[in-house]
C-alpha atoms as a PDB file:
ATOM      1  CA  MET A   1     108.915 105.958  98.421  1.00  0.00           C
ATOM      2  CA  LEU A   2     105.427 105.795  99.891  1.00  0.00           C
ATOM      3  CA  ILE A   3     104.635 102.232 100.915  1.00  0.00           C
ATOM      4  CA  ALA A   4     100.908 102.978 100.733  1.00  0.00           C
ATOM      5  CA  GLN A   5     101.235 103.159  96.940  1.00  0.00           C
ATOM      6  CA  SER A   6     101.833  99.426  96.560  1.00  0.00           C
ATOM      7  CA  VAL A   7      98.995  96.923  96.332  1.00  0.00           C
ATOM      8  CA  MET A   8     100.564  94.860  99.095  1.00  0.00           C
ATOM      9  CA  ALA A   9     100.667  97.866 101.426  1.00  0.00           C
ATOM     10  CA  GLU A  10      97.030  98.726 100.680  1.00  0.00           C
ATOM     11  CA  THR A  11      96.052  95.183 101.619  1.00  0.00           C
ATOM     12  CA  ALA A  12      98.146  95.383 104.787  1.00  0.00           C
ATOM     13  CA  LEU A  13      96.597  98.736 105.743  1.00  0.00           C
ATOM     14  CA  ASN A  14      93.155  97.193 105.371  1.00  0.00           C
ATOM     15  CA  GLU A  15      94.309  94.662 107.977  1.00  0.00           C
ATOM     16  CA  PHE A  16      93.968  97.522 110.470  1.00  0.00           C
ATOM     17  CA  LEU A  17      90.229  97.529 109.758  1.00  0.00           C
ATOM     18  CA  SER A  18      90.057  93.793 110.403  1.00  0.00           C
ATOM     19  CA  LEU A  19      92.149  94.021 113.585  1.00  0.00           C
ATOM     20  CA  HIS A  20      89.998  96.869 114.915  1.00  0.00           C
ATOM     21  CA  ASN A  21      86.788  94.990 114.147  1.00  0.00           C
ATOM     22  CA  GLN A  22      88.022  91.806 115.820  1.00  0.00           C
ATOM     23  CA  GLU A  23      88.644  93.775 119.016  1.00  0.00           C
ATOM     24  CA  ARG A  24      85.324  95.604 118.727  1.00  0.00           C
ATOM     25  CA  ASP A  25      83.406  92.361 117.999  1.00  0.00           C
ATOM     26  CA  ALA A  26      84.773  90.829 121.198  1.00  0.00           C
ATOM     27  CA  LEU A  27      83.207  93.737 123.104  1.00  0.00           C
ATOM     28  CA  GLU A  28      80.005  93.758 121.051  1.00  0.00           C
ATOM     29  CA  VAL A  29      80.819  97.260 119.822  1.00  0.00           C
ATOM     30  CA  PRO A  30      79.632  98.088 116.250  1.00  0.00           C
ATOM     31  CA  GLU A  31      82.202  97.417 113.545  1.00  0.00           C
ATOM     32  CA  LEU A  32      84.064 100.200 111.761  1.00  0.00           C
ATOM     33  CA  GLU A  33      83.810 100.880 108.034  1.00  0.00           C
ATOM     34  CA  TRP A  34      86.722 101.940 105.822  1.00  0.00           C
ATOM     35  CA  SER A  35      86.788 105.582 104.721  1.00  0.00           C
ATOM     36  CA  ASP A  36      88.800 106.777 101.734  1.00  0.00           C
ATOM     37  CA  GLU A  37      88.425 110.341 103.050  1.00  0.00           C
ATOM     38  CA  LEU A  38      90.030 109.395 106.363  1.00  0.00           C
ATOM     39  CA  GLN A  39      92.739 107.462 104.540  1.00  0.00           C
ATOM     40  CA  ALA A  40      93.525 110.560 102.436  1.00  0.00           C
ATOM     41  CA  SER A  41      93.750 112.697 105.577  1.00  0.00           C
ATOM     42  CA  ALA A  42      96.069 110.170 107.233  1.00  0.00           C
ATOM     43  CA  GLN A  43      98.125 109.908 104.025  1.00  0.00           C
ATOM     44  CA  GLN A  44      98.699 113.659 104.005  1.00  0.00           C
ATOM     45  CA  LEU A  45      99.987 113.439 107.572  1.00  0.00           C
ATOM     46  CA  VAL A  46     102.431 110.585 106.882  1.00  0.00           C
ATOM     47  CA  ASN A  47     103.622 112.256 103.673  1.00  0.00           C
ATOM     48  CA  ASN A  48     104.434 115.365 105.706  1.00  0.00           C
ATOM     49  CA  ALA A  49     106.206 113.181 108.265  1.00  0.00           C
ATOM     50  CA  VAL A  50     108.497 111.781 105.560  1.00  0.00           C
ATOM     51  CA  PHE A  51     109.245 115.301 104.345  1.00  0.00           C
ATOM     52  CA  LEU A  52     109.767 116.828 107.827  1.00  0.00           C
ATOM     53  CA  ASP A  53     111.191 113.694 109.488  1.00  0.00           C
ATOM     54  CA  VAL A  54     108.692 114.078 112.340  1.00  0.00           C
ATOM     55  CA  LEU A  55     105.173 112.722 112.846  1.00  0.00           C
ATOM     56  CA  GLU A  56     102.893 115.431 114.166  1.00  0.00           C
ATOM     57  CA  ARG A  57      99.415 115.246 115.628  1.00  0.00           C
ATOM     58  CA  SER A  58      96.721 116.280 113.169  1.00  0.00           C
ATOM     59  CA  ASP A  59      94.332 119.144 113.877  1.00  0.00           C
ATOM     60  CA  SER A  60      91.785 117.625 111.469  1.00  0.00           C
ATOM     61  CA  GLY A  61      89.210 116.952 114.182  1.00  0.00           C
ATOM     62  CA  TYR A  62      89.511 113.211 113.564  1.00  0.00           C
ATOM     63  CA  GLY A  63      90.590 110.752 116.201  1.00  0.00           C
ATOM     64  CA  GLN A  64      94.116 109.499 115.627  1.00  0.00           C
ATOM     65  CA  ASN A  65      96.426 106.629 116.428  1.00  0.00           C
ATOM     66  CA  SER A  66      99.936 106.877 115.058  1.00  0.00           C
ATOM     67  CA  TRP A  67     103.302 105.188 115.153  1.00  0.00           C
ATOM     68  CA  SER A  68     106.760 105.905 113.796  1.00  0.00           C
ATOM     69  CA  GLY A  69     109.867 103.838 114.092  1.00  0.00           C
ATOM     70  CA  GLU A  70     112.888 102.332 112.460  1.00  0.00           C
ATOM     71  CA  HIS A  71     112.283 101.130 108.896  1.00  0.00           C
ATOM     72  CA  ASN A  72     110.816  97.592 108.816  1.00  0.00           C
ATOM     73  CA  SER A  73     111.107  97.199 112.602  1.00  0.00           C
ATOM     74  CA  LEU A  74     107.458  96.212 113.234  1.00  0.00           C
ATOM     75  CA  THR A  75     104.633  94.568 111.309  1.00  0.00           C
ATOM     76  CA  PHE A  76     101.159  96.096 111.099  1.00  0.00           C
ATOM     77  CA  GLU A  77      99.958  93.493 113.610  1.00  0.00           C
ATOM     78  CA  GLU A  78     102.705  94.484 116.056  1.00  0.00           C
ATOM     79  CA  ILE A  79     101.826  98.164 115.722  1.00  0.00           C
ATOM     80  CA  PHE A  80      98.168  97.388 116.423  1.00  0.00           C
ATOM     81  CA  ALA A  81      99.286  95.328 119.428  1.00  0.00           C
ATOM     82  CA  LEU A  82     101.192  98.364 120.755  1.00  0.00           C
ATOM     83  CA  TRP A  83      98.059 100.490 120.435  1.00  0.00           C
ATOM     84  CA  SER A  84      96.115  97.771 122.250  1.00  0.00           C
ATOM     85  CA  THR A  85      98.421  97.479 125.263  1.00  0.00           C
ATOM     86  CA  GLY A  86      96.199  99.959 127.083  1.00  0.00           C
ATOM     87  CA  LYS A  87      93.556  97.254 127.342  1.00  0.00           C
ATOM     88  CA  ALA A  88      95.353  96.008 130.463  1.00  0.00           C
ATOM     89  CA  TYR A  89      94.679  99.351 132.201  1.00  0.00           C
ATOM     90  CA  PHE A  90      91.319 100.181 130.609  1.00  0.00           C
ATOM     91  CA  LEU A  91      88.264 100.667 132.844  1.00  0.00           C
ATOM     92  CA  ALA A  92      85.237 100.468 130.538  1.00  0.00           C
ATOM     93  CA  ASP A  93      82.731 101.702 133.116  1.00  0.00           C
ATOM     94  CA  LYS A  94      84.619 104.943 133.754  1.00  0.00           C
ATOM     95  CA  PRO A  95      84.572 108.141 131.653  1.00  0.00           C
ATOM     96  CA  VAL A  96      87.615 109.656 129.942  1.00  0.00           C
ATOM     97  CA  PRO A  97      90.196 110.211 131.426  1.00  0.00           C
ATOM     98  CA  GLN A  98      89.301 108.183 134.541  1.00  0.00           C
ATOM     99  CA  ASN A  99      88.932 105.082 132.327  1.00  0.00           C
ATOM    100  CA  CYS A 100      92.599 104.258 132.773  1.00  0.00           C
ATOM    101  CA  SER A 101      94.124 102.746 135.914  1.00  0.00           C
ATOM    102  CA  ALA A 102      97.520 104.060 134.741  1.00  0.00           C
ATOM    103  CA  ASP A 103      98.456 107.362 133.109  1.00  0.00           C
ATOM    104  CA  TRP A 104      95.877 108.333 130.468  1.00  0.00           C
ATOM    105  CA  GLU A 105      98.493 108.008 127.721  1.00  0.00           C
ATOM    106  CA  GLN A 106      98.590 104.260 128.441  1.00  0.00           C
ATOM    107  CA  CYS A 107      94.906 103.872 127.423  1.00  0.00           C
ATOM    108  CA  GLU A 108      94.421 106.615 124.843  1.00  0.00           C
ATOM    109  CA  SER A 109      95.038 104.500 121.731  1.00  0.00           C
ATOM    110  CA  TYR A 110      93.038 101.518 122.962  1.00  0.00           C
ATOM    111  CA  SER A 111      90.132 103.739 123.991  1.00  0.00           C
ATOM    112  CA  GLN A 112      89.973 105.138 120.451  1.00  0.00           C
ATOM    113  CA  ILE A 113      90.032 101.626 118.970  1.00  0.00           C
ATOM    114  CA  VAL A 114      86.935 100.574 120.938  1.00  0.00           C
ATOM    115  CA  TRP A 115      85.073 103.921 121.059  1.00  0.00           C
ATOM    116  CA  SER A 116      81.519 102.853 120.194  1.00  0.00           C
ATOM    117  CA  GLU A 117      80.430 106.132 118.588  1.00  0.00           C
ATOM    118  CA  THR A 118      83.294 105.909 116.063  1.00  0.00           C
ATOM    119  CA  THR A 119      81.984 104.468 112.789  1.00  0.00           C
ATOM    120  CA  HIS A 120      84.800 104.917 110.241  1.00  0.00           C
ATOM    121  CA  ILE A 121      88.545 104.442 109.953  1.00  0.00           C
ATOM    122  CA  GLY A 122      91.160 105.229 107.332  1.00  0.00           C
ATOM    123  CA  CYS A 123      94.848 104.399 107.673  1.00  0.00           C
ATOM    124  CA  ALA A 124      97.954 105.341 105.727  1.00  0.00           C
ATOM    125  CA  ALA A 125     101.637 104.515 105.735  1.00  0.00           C
ATOM    126  CA  ALA A 126     104.777 106.079 104.354  1.00  0.00           C
ATOM    127  CA  THR A 127     108.447 105.382 104.666  1.00  0.00           C
ATOM    128  CA  SER A 128     111.612 107.402 104.452  1.00  0.00           C
ATOM    129  CA  ALA A 129     115.091 105.945 104.072  1.00  0.00           C
ATOM    130  CA  GLU A 130     115.211 105.189 107.803  1.00  0.00           C
ATOM    131  CA  LYS A 131     111.729 105.432 109.296  1.00  0.00           C
ATOM    132  CA  ASP A 132     108.221 104.092 108.785  1.00  0.00           C
ATOM    133  CA  TYR A 133     105.158 106.145 109.664  1.00  0.00           C
ATOM    134  CA  ILE A 134     101.642 104.808 110.272  1.00  0.00           C
ATOM    135  CA  VAL A 135      98.523 106.864 111.013  1.00  0.00           C
ATOM    136  CA  CYS A 136      94.897 105.831 111.420  1.00  0.00           C
ATOM    137  CA  HIS A 137      92.200 108.504 111.515  1.00  0.00           C
ATOM    138  CA  TYR A 138      88.810 107.861 113.109  1.00  0.00           C
ATOM    139  CA  SER A 139      85.428 109.523 112.673  1.00  0.00           C
ATOM    140  CA  PRO A 140      83.693 110.577 114.728  1.00  0.00           C
ATOM    141  CA  ALA A 141      86.639 111.030 117.055  1.00  0.00           C
ATOM    142  CA  GLY A 142      86.617 109.155 120.340  1.00  0.00           C
ATOM    143  CA  ASN A 143      88.091 109.909 123.729  1.00  0.00           C
ATOM    144  CA  ILE A 144      85.532 112.581 124.561  1.00  0.00           C
ATOM    145  CA  GLN A 145      86.101 114.056 128.015  1.00  0.00           C
ATOM    146  CA  ASP A 146      83.666 112.700 130.649  1.00  0.00           C
ATOM    147  CA  GLN A 147      82.140 110.081 128.294  1.00  0.00           C
ATOM    148  CA  THR A 148      82.579 106.313 128.357  1.00  0.00           C
ATOM    149  CA  ALA A 149      83.962 104.378 125.404  1.00  0.00           C
ATOM    150  CA  TYR A 150      81.011 101.990 125.161  1.00  0.00           C
END
């Protein structure tokens, strides 16, 4: 069953837009707009994950944050919080990948959340019998080598 098909799940996925924009507003970075095209791209990826039982990185050219885990183990807010943990290591005045005081992987998701040139987001979710999959796609993609997030 694809959880993104329910009205409740659609509303919850739109919470990602709100959570992103709250973080961006705090930094005075322009807000993101929802994109049905990006949502469709992310939905294709999570549908494949259910079928293959593995969440792969997309080669769509979009930026991407993703999560997979045990069925019903985390809320959407908790997943966003995981993506945001890189804030503690993030160095806004430094270019990618020097903008992280830890390993780059610690800041990658957060950097995409606050990337000022990104204007649109679309997220999707799917679930298998045991796992949930969440993907957000971003356009234009962030985390450009040797550029700063904002």
